[in-house]
Amino acid sequence: MGQQLETRAYVAGKLLTGEALLETDYILYRQSGRKNTKLLRVKVAFADVKSLAAKDGWLVVRHAAGTLELELGPRAEKWIEKIRSPKSRLDKLGVVNGARVALTGAQDTEFRRELAARGAECAEGTPSKDSALIFFGAESRPDLARVKTLSSRLASSGALWILYPKGQKHITENDVIAAGRAAGLKDVKVVGFSPTHTALKFVIPVANR
């Protein structure tokens, strides 16, 4: 899902300030504060949620390990809907039935199974010209050198998704965004691809199509 916002939270009776994230299959809350300070981090998998309620703009999540309360304002009801009826990974990535997909770089086996189940036509290796949907696995900064070439293979309204490891220093979100922009692309969406990887979506700016 990749939805995130700065907000307050109640955890174990304490009022905290930090960042709430709503991902494909879990909620994450990270307390903000100074570096080198032990900060609280709460991750709640949808499968562990026992009940959900919205009250006065607060989302109350009772889960297997306790209760997490998030101040979301009008978003509280929307988050409840998304948690109860989450979209699939392919829905988040814009893969429709029978889509033509180009895969290059490392991809996980489960992702390929999901594509096959949706009837997607998958091509491996260098994408053909005017590709509508390219998934590129980048595991390190040097891999990002391929982004410019891949951008030239996109259809005018196509999308390049760059999949990269989470929480690593050898390749960061800033590295990925910089590579996409250097190739003349615009970053428009982020999705939690898996427990270990993030997906960033790039498109050709409307003015350049």
Foldseek 3Di string as FASTA:
>chain_A
DFDKDWWWKADPNDIATFMWGDAQFKIKTWGDDDPPDDTDIDIAGLVFWDDWDADQQWIWTQGPVGIMIIRHHPCNVVSVVCSVPPDDLCVVVVNAQQAEEEEEEDDDPVVVVVCVVSNYHYDYDQAAAQHQYYEYEDEALVSLVCLLVNQRRHRQFHKYKYKYFPPDDRDDPVSNQVSQVVSQWDWDDKHDNDPTIIIIIIHHPPVVD
